[in-house]
């Protein structure tokens, strides 16, 4: 299989699911997320997250929506 970058529609759907979970109160915007090795390996448009780095959900959403970051989508 050839390596493929995440499509914009995948990122939109990821954001949609996050906003639904926020609305249900299952997560909060200040919740911290930890980047995994899979996140750190992403190519293409990326925020530059490193394995083990922590960012807030709010920052991850900004990265996902405004920057179209593949690493934030993962």
PDB file of N, CA and C in Angstrom:
ATOM      1  N   UNK A   1       0.821  -1.177   0.000  1.00  0.00           N
ATOM      2  CA  UNK A   1       0.000   0.000   0.000  1.00  0.00           C
ATOM      3  C   UNK A   1       0.874   1.252   0.000  1.00  0.00           C
ATOM      4  N   UNK A   2       0.433   2.259  -0.679  1.00  0.00           N
ATOM      5  CA  UNK A   2       1.141   3.538  -0.696  1.00  0.00           C
ATOM      6  C   UNK A   2       0.702   4.376   0.506  1.00  0.00           C
ATOM      7  N   UNK A   3       1.631   5.139   1.054  1.00  0.00           N
ATOM      8  CA  UNK A   3       1.298   6.044   2.152  1.00  0.00           C
ATOM      9  C   UNK A   3       0.358   7.134   1.647  1.00  0.00           C
ATOM     10  N   UNK A   4      -0.655   7.432   2.411  1.00  0.00           N
ATOM     11  CA  UNK A   4      -1.626   8.454   2.038  1.00  0.00           C
ATOM     12  C   UNK A   4      -1.786   9.445   3.180  1.00  0.00           C
ATOM     13  N   UNK A   5      -1.942  10.712   2.842  1.00  0.00           N
ATOM     14  CA  UNK A   5      -2.208  11.727   3.850  1.00  0.00           C
ATOM     15  C   UNK A   5      -3.696  11.723   4.167  1.00  0.00           C
ATOM     16  N   UNK A   6      -4.023  12.124   5.388  1.00  0.00           N
ATOM     17  CA  UNK A   6      -5.423  12.197   5.768  1.00  0.00           C
ATOM     18  C   UNK A   6      -6.145  13.211   4.896  1.00  0.00           C
ATOM     19  N   UNK A   7      -7.308  12.846   4.436  1.00  0.00           N
ATOM     20  CA  UNK A   7      -8.106  13.740   3.600  1.00  0.00           C
ATOM     21  C   UNK A   7      -8.814  14.779   4.463  1.00  0.00           C
ATOM     22  N   UNK A   8      -9.118  15.913   3.876  1.00  0.00           N
ATOM     23  CA  UNK A   8      -9.803  16.983   4.605  1.00  0.00           C
ATOM     24  C   UNK A   8     -11.148  16.530   5.154  1.00  0.00           C
ATOM     25  N   UNK A   9     -11.865  15.683   4.438  1.00  0.00           N
ATOM     26  CA  UNK A   9     -13.160  15.204   4.921  1.00  0.00           C
ATOM     27  C   UNK A   9     -12.975  14.385   6.200  1.00  0.00           C
ATOM     28  N   UNK A  10     -11.908  13.628   6.283  1.00  0.00           N
ATOM     29  CA  UNK A  10     -11.619  12.866   7.504  1.00  0.00           C
ATOM     30  C   UNK A  10     -11.415  13.825   8.668  1.00  0.00           C
ATOM     31  N   UNK A  11     -10.724  14.922   8.424  1.00  0.00           N
ATOM     32  CA  UNK A  11     -10.475  15.910   9.471  1.00  0.00           C
ATOM     33  C   UNK A  11     -11.769  16.603   9.886  1.00  0.00           C
ATOM     34  N   UNK A  12     -12.631  16.908   8.943  1.00  0.00           N
ATOM     35  CA  UNK A  12     -13.918  17.532   9.256  1.00  0.00           C
ATOM     36  C   UNK A  12     -14.756  16.582  10.109  1.00  0.00           C
ATOM     37  N   UNK A  13     -14.785  15.322   9.747  1.00  0.00           N
ATOM     38  CA  UNK A  13     -15.569  14.350  10.511  1.00  0.00           C
ATOM     39  C   UNK A  13     -14.978  14.150  11.908  1.00  0.00           C
ATOM     40  N   UNK A  14     -13.655  14.175  12.024  1.00  0.00           N
ATOM     41  CA  UNK A  14     -13.013  14.079  13.340  1.00  0.00           C
ATOM     42  C   UNK A  14     -13.441  15.259  14.204  1.00  0.00           C
ATOM     43  N   UNK A  15     -13.401  16.464  13.649  1.00  0.00           N
ATOM     44  CA  UNK A  15     -13.825  17.657  14.388  1.00  0.00           C
ATOM     45  C   UNK A  15     -15.295  17.539  14.785  1.00  0.00           C
ATOM     46  N   UNK A  16     -16.131  17.055  13.893  1.00  0.00           N
ATOM     47  CA  UNK A  16     -17.555  16.889  14.172  1.00  0.00           C
ATOM     48  C   UNK A  16     -17.759  15.966  15.378  1.00  0.00           C
ATOM     49  N   UNK A  17     -17.042  14.848  15.411  1.00  0.00           N
ATOM     50  CA  UNK A  17     -17.168  13.903  16.524  1.00  0.00           C
ATOM     51  C   UNK A  17     -16.683  14.520  17.832  1.00  0.00           C
ATOM     52  N   UNK A  18     -15.621  15.308  17.762  1.00  0.00           N
ATOM     53  CA  UNK A  18     -15.115  15.994  18.957  1.00  0.00           C
ATOM     54  C   UNK A  18     -16.160  16.982  19.470  1.00  0.00           C
ATOM     55  N   UNK A  19     -16.754  17.771  18.574  1.00  0.00           N
ATOM     56  CA  UNK A  19     -17.766  18.741  18.997  1.00  0.00           C
ATOM     57  C   UNK A  19     -18.998  18.046  19.584  1.00  0.00           C
ATOM     58  N   UNK A  20     -19.364  16.899  19.049  1.00  0.00           N
ATOM     59  CA  UNK A  20     -20.485  16.144  19.630  1.00  0.00           C
ATOM     60  C   UNK A  20     -20.152  15.691  21.046  1.00  0.00           C
ATOM     61  N   UNK A  21     -18.933  15.177  21.244  1.00  0.00           N
ATOM     62  CA  UNK A  21     -18.519  14.719  22.577  1.00  0.00           C
ATOM     63  C   UNK A  21     -18.451  15.894  23.556  1.00  0.00           C
ATOM     64  N   UNK A  22     -18.011  17.050  23.083  1.00  0.00           N
ATOM     65  CA  UNK A  22     -17.997  18.255  23.919  1.00  0.00           C
ATOM     66  C   UNK A  22     -19.413  18.628  24.339  1.00  0.00           C
ATOM     67  N   UNK A  23     -20.323  18.582  23.407  1.00  0.00           N
ATOM     68  CA  UNK A  23     -21.723  18.931  23.680  1.00  0.00           C
ATOM     69  C   UNK A  23     -22.351  17.991  24.699  1.00  0.00           C
ATOM     70  N   UNK A  24     -21.976  16.720  24.649  1.00  0.00           N
ATOM     71  CA  UNK A  24     -22.502  15.729  25.598  1.00  0.00           C
ATOM     72  C   UNK A  24     -21.797  15.803  26.953  1.00  0.00           C
ATOM     73  N   UNK A  25     -20.732  16.602  27.051  1.00  0.00           N
ATOM     74  CA  UNK A  25     -19.996  16.724  28.306  1.00  0.00           C
ATOM     75  C   UNK A  25     -19.026  15.587  28.568  1.00  0.00           C
ATOM     76  N   UNK A  26     -18.737  14.787  27.555  1.00  0.00           N
ATOM     77  CA  UNK A  26     -17.828  13.651  27.726  1.00  0.00           C
ATOM     78  C   UNK A  26     -16.366  14.080  27.793  1.00  0.00           C
ATOM     79  N   UNK A  27     -16.057  15.226  27.213  1.00  0.00           N
ATOM     80  CA  UNK A  27     -14.703  15.768  27.212  1.00  0.00           C
ATOM     81  C   UNK A  27     -14.796  17.280  27.418  1.00  0.00           C
ATOM     82  N   UNK A  28     -13.656  17.899  27.730  1.00  0.00           N
ATOM     83  CA  UNK A  28     -13.619  19.347  27.894  1.00  0.00           C
ATOM     84  C   UNK A  28     -12.492  19.918  27.036  1.00  0.00           C
ATOM     85  N   UNK A  29     -12.627  21.200  26.698  1.00  0.00           N
ATOM     86  CA  UNK A  29     -11.635  21.846  25.832  1.00  0.00           C
ATOM     87  C   UNK A  29     -10.274  21.972  26.510  1.00  0.00           C
ATOM     88  N   UNK A  30     -10.234  21.964  27.837  1.00  0.00           N
ATOM     89  CA  UNK A  30      -8.952  22.075  28.531  1.00  0.00           C
ATOM     90  C   UNK A  30      -8.331  20.714  28.850  1.00  0.00           C
ATOM     91  N   UNK A  31      -8.997  19.648  28.446  1.00  0.00           N
ATOM     92  CA  UNK A  31      -8.466  18.299  28.634  1.00  0.00           C
ATOM     93  C   UNK A  31      -7.154  18.158  27.879  1.00  0.00           C
ATOM     94  N   UNK A  32      -6.163  17.533  28.508  1.00  0.00           N
ATOM     95  CA  UNK A  32      -4.859  17.361  27.878  1.00  0.00           C
ATOM     96  C   UNK A  32      -4.808  16.055  27.093  1.00  0.00           C
ATOM     97  N   UNK A  33      -4.185  16.120  25.925  1.00  0.00           N
ATOM     98  CA  UNK A  33      -3.998  14.965  25.053  1.00  0.00           C
ATOM     99  C   UNK A  33      -2.505  14.703  24.928  1.00  0.00           C
ATOM    100  N   UNK A  34      -2.124  13.424  24.855  1.00  0.00           N
ATOM    101  CA  UNK A  34      -0.714  13.052  24.728  1.00  0.00           C
ATOM    102  C   UNK A  34      -0.479  12.435  23.360  1.00  0.00           C
ATOM    103  N   UNK A  35       0.504  12.967  22.641  1.00  0.00           N
ATOM    104  CA  UNK A  35       0.829  12.464  21.303  1.00  0.00           C
ATOM    105  C   UNK A  35       1.480  11.082  21.406  1.00  0.00           C
ATOM    106  N   UNK A  36       1.027  10.189  20.564  1.00  0.00           N
ATOM    107  CA  UNK A  36       1.556   8.825  20.506  1.00  0.00           C
ATOM    108  C   UNK A  36       2.649   8.743  19.431  1.00  0.00           C
ATOM    109  N   UNK A  37       3.350   7.618  19.350  1.00  0.00           N
ATOM    110  CA  UNK A  37       4.322   7.448  18.266  1.00  0.00           C
ATOM    111  C   UNK A  37       3.675   7.585  16.884  1.00  0.00           C
ATOM    112  N   UNK A  38       2.428   7.111  16.733  1.00  0.00           N
ATOM    113  CA  UNK A  38       1.732   7.222  15.443  1.00  0.00           C
ATOM    114  C   UNK A  38       1.496   8.688  15.085  1.00  0.00           C
ATOM    115  N   UNK A  39       1.208   9.514  16.070  1.00  0.00           N
ATOM    116  CA  UNK A  39       1.014  10.946  15.845  1.00  0.00           C
ATOM    117  C   UNK A  39       2.313  11.568  15.352  1.00  0.00           C
ATOM    118  N   UNK A  40       3.400  11.241  16.018  1.00  0.00           N
ATOM    119  CA  UNK A  40       4.705  11.828  15.692  1.00  0.00           C
ATOM    120  C   UNK A  40       5.190  11.423  14.299  1.00  0.00           C
ATOM    121  N   UNK A  41       4.721  10.293  13.792  1.00  0.00           N
ATOM    122  CA  UNK A  41       5.160   9.810  12.466  1.00  0.00           C
ATOM    123  C   UNK A  41       4.387  10.407  11.296  1.00  0.00           C
ATOM    124  N   UNK A  42       3.352  11.170  11.552  1.00  0.00           N
ATOM    125  CA  UNK A  42       2.537  11.709  10.461  1.00  0.00           C
ATOM    126  C   UNK A  42       3.348  12.635   9.564  1.00  0.00           C
ATOM    127  N   UNK A  43       3.015  12.601   8.292  1.00  0.00           N
ATOM    128  CA  UNK A  43       3.697  13.443   7.310  1.00  0.00           C
ATOM    129  C   UNK A  43       2.694  14.414   6.697  1.00  0.00           C
ATOM    130  N   UNK A  44       3.124  15.180   5.740  1.00  0.00           N
ATOM    131  CA  UNK A  44       2.240  16.154   5.096  1.00  0.00           C
ATOM    132  C   UNK A  44       2.057  17.355   6.003  1.00  0.00           C
ATOM    133  N   UNK A  45       0.887  17.966   5.949  1.00  0.00           N
ATOM    134  CA  UNK A  45       0.581  19.117   6.814  1.00  0.00           C
ATOM    135  C   UNK A  45       0.558  18.630   8.257  1.00  0.00           C
ATOM    136  N   UNK A  46       1.372  19.255   9.085  1.00  0.00           N
ATOM    137  CA  UNK A  46       1.439  18.822  10.475  1.00  0.00           C
ATOM    138  C   UNK A  46       1.789  19.975  11.394  1.00  0.00           C
ATOM    139  N   UNK A  47       1.437  19.821  12.653  1.00  0.00           N
ATOM    140  CA  UNK A  47       1.688  20.800  13.697  1.00  0.00           C
ATOM    141  C   UNK A  47       3.097  20.628  14.255  1.00  0.00           C
ATOM    142  N   UNK A  48       3.620  19.426  14.159  1.00  0.00           N
ATOM    143  CA  UNK A  48       4.960  19.130  14.653  1.00  0.00           C
ATOM    144  C   UNK A  48       4.979  18.474  16.017  1.00  0.00           C
ATOM    145  N   UNK A  49       3.910  17.755  16.345  1.00  0.00           N
ATOM    146  CA  UNK A  49       3.853  17.091  17.642  1.00  0.00           C
ATOM    147  C   UNK A  49       4.888  15.978  17.725  1.00  0.00           C
ATOM    148  N   UNK A  50       5.501  15.858  18.912  1.00  0.00           N
ATOM    149  CA  UNK A  50       6.482  14.812  19.165  1.00  0.00           C
ATOM    150  C   UNK A  50       5.869  13.763  20.091  1.00  0.00           C
ATOM    151  N   UNK A  51       6.380  12.561  20.019  1.00  0.00           N
ATOM    152  CA  UNK A  51       5.914  11.472  20.874  1.00  0.00           C
ATOM    153  C   UNK A  51       5.973  11.914  22.337  1.00  0.00           C
ATOM    154  N   UNK A  52       4.857  11.769  23.047  1.00  0.00           N
ATOM    155  CA  UNK A  52       4.781  12.120  24.457  1.00  0.00           C
ATOM    156  C   UNK A  52       4.429  13.569  24.741  1.00  0.00           C
ATOM    157  N   UNK A  53       4.441  14.414  23.725  1.00  0.00           N
ATOM    158  CA  UNK A  53       4.101  15.831  23.920  1.00  0.00           C
ATOM    159  C   UNK A  53       2.629  15.957  24.271  1.00  0.00           C
ATOM    160  N   UNK A  54       2.306  16.880  25.173  1.00  0.00           N
ATOM    161  CA  UNK A  54       0.920  17.097  25.563  1.00  0.00           C
ATOM    162  C   UNK A  54       0.433  18.453  25.060  1.00  0.00           C
ATOM    163  N   UNK A  55      -0.814  18.456  24.577  1.00  0.00           N
ATOM    164  CA  UNK A  55      -1.488  19.688  24.186  1.00  0.00           C
ATOM    165  C   UNK A  55      -2.936  19.592  24.650  1.00  0.00           C
ATOM    166  N   UNK A  56      -3.569  20.744  24.808  1.00  0.00           N
ATOM    167  CA  UNK A  56      -4.980  20.743  25.213  1.00  0.00           C
ATOM    168  C   UNK A  56      -5.856  20.370  24.016  1.00  0.00           C
ATOM    169  N   UNK A  57      -7.042  19.914  24.305  1.00  0.00           N
ATOM    170  CA  UNK A  57      -7.993  19.613  23.249  1.00  0.00           C
ATOM    171  C   UNK A  57      -8.278  20.867  22.429  1.00  0.00           C
ATOM    172  N   UNK A  58      -8.354  22.019  23.092  1.00  0.00           N
ATOM    173  CA  UNK A  58      -8.603  23.277  22.400  1.00  0.00           C
ATOM    174  C   UNK A  58      -7.485  23.563  21.380  1.00  0.00           C
ATOM    175  N   UNK A  59      -6.238  23.371  21.794  1.00  0.00           N
ATOM    176  CA  UNK A  59      -5.106  23.580  20.885  1.00  0.00           C
ATOM    177  C   UNK A  59      -5.138  22.561  19.742  1.00  0.00           C
ATOM    178  N   UNK A  60      -5.496  21.323  20.047  1.00  0.00           N
ATOM    179  CA  UNK A  60      -5.588  20.290  19.017  1.00  0.00           C
ATOM    180  C   UNK A  60      -6.676  20.627  17.996  1.00  0.00           C
ATOM    181  N   UNK A  61      -7.803  21.169  18.461  1.00  0.00           N
ATOM    182  CA  UNK A  61      -8.869  21.570  17.541  1.00  0.00           C
ATOM    183  C   UNK A  61      -8.401  22.695  16.616  1.00  0.00           C
ATOM    184  N   UNK A  62      -7.688  23.661  17.184  1.00  0.00           N
ATOM    185  CA  UNK A  62      -7.145  24.747  16.365  1.00  0.00           C
ATOM    186  C   UNK A  62      -6.207  24.174  15.301  1.00  0.00           C
ATOM    187  N   UNK A  63      -5.331  23.284  15.711  1.00  0.00           N
ATOM    188  CA  UNK A  63      -4.405  22.635  14.780  1.00  0.00           C
ATOM    189  C   UNK A  63      -5.164  21.882  13.694  1.00  0.00           C
ATOM    190  N   UNK A  64      -6.180  21.157  14.084  1.00  0.00           N
ATOM    191  CA  UNK A  64      -6.963  20.344  13.151  1.00  0.00           C
ATOM    192  C   UNK A  64      -7.739  21.207  12.163  1.00  0.00           C
ATOM    193  N   UNK A  65      -8.423  22.220  12.669  1.00  0.00           N
ATOM    194  CA  UNK A  65      -9.318  23.017  11.824  1.00  0.00           C
ATOM    195  C   UNK A  65      -8.583  24.112  11.061  1.00  0.00           C
ATOM    196  N   UNK A  66      -7.764  24.889  11.749  1.00  0.00           N
ATOM    197  CA  UNK A  66      -7.105  26.028  11.102  1.00  0.00           C
ATOM    198  C   UNK A  66      -5.875  25.623  10.295  1.00  0.00           C
ATOM    199  N   UNK A  67      -5.152  24.624  10.784  1.00  0.00           N
ATOM    200  CA  UNK A  67      -3.905  24.248  10.125  1.00  0.00           C
ATOM    201  C   UNK A  67      -4.013  22.968   9.308  1.00  0.00           C
ATOM    202  N   UNK A  68      -5.125  22.238   9.460  1.00  0.00           N
ATOM    203  CA  UNK A  68      -5.337  20.966   8.775  1.00  0.00           C
ATOM    204  C   UNK A  68      -4.205  19.975   9.100  1.00  0.00           C
ATOM    205  N   UNK A  69      -3.806  19.955  10.366  1.00  0.00           N
ATOM    206  CA  UNK A  69      -2.691  19.116  10.790  1.00  0.00           C
ATOM    207  C   UNK A  69      -3.028  17.640  10.835  1.00  0.00           C
ATOM    208  N   UNK A  70      -2.292  16.852  10.065  1.00  0.00           N
ATOM    209  CA  UNK A  70      -2.496  15.404  10.076  1.00  0.00           C
ATOM    210  C   UNK A  70      -2.192  14.820  11.455  1.00  0.00           C
ATOM    211  N   UNK A  71      -1.151  15.337  12.113  1.00  0.00           N
ATOM    212  CA  UNK A  71      -0.796  14.799  13.418  1.00  0.00           C
ATOM    213  C   UNK A  71      -1.901  15.065  14.442  1.00  0.00           C
ATOM    214  N   UNK A  72      -2.548  16.202  14.379  1.00  0.00           N
ATOM    215  CA  UNK A  72      -3.639  16.505  15.302  1.00  0.00           C
ATOM    216  C   UNK A  72      -4.884  15.678  15.010  1.00  0.00           C
ATOM    217  N   UNK A  73      -5.080  15.325  13.767  1.00  0.00           N
ATOM    218  CA  UNK A  73      -6.226  14.486  13.412  1.00  0.00           C
ATOM    219  C   UNK A  73      -6.063  13.080  13.984  1.00  0.00           C
ATOM    220  N   UNK A  74      -4.838  12.596  13.998  1.00  0.00           N
ATOM    221  CA  UNK A  74      -4.576  11.255  14.541  1.00  0.00           C
ATOM    222  C   UNK A  74      -4.706  11.275  16.042  1.00  0.00           C
TER     223      UNK A  74
END
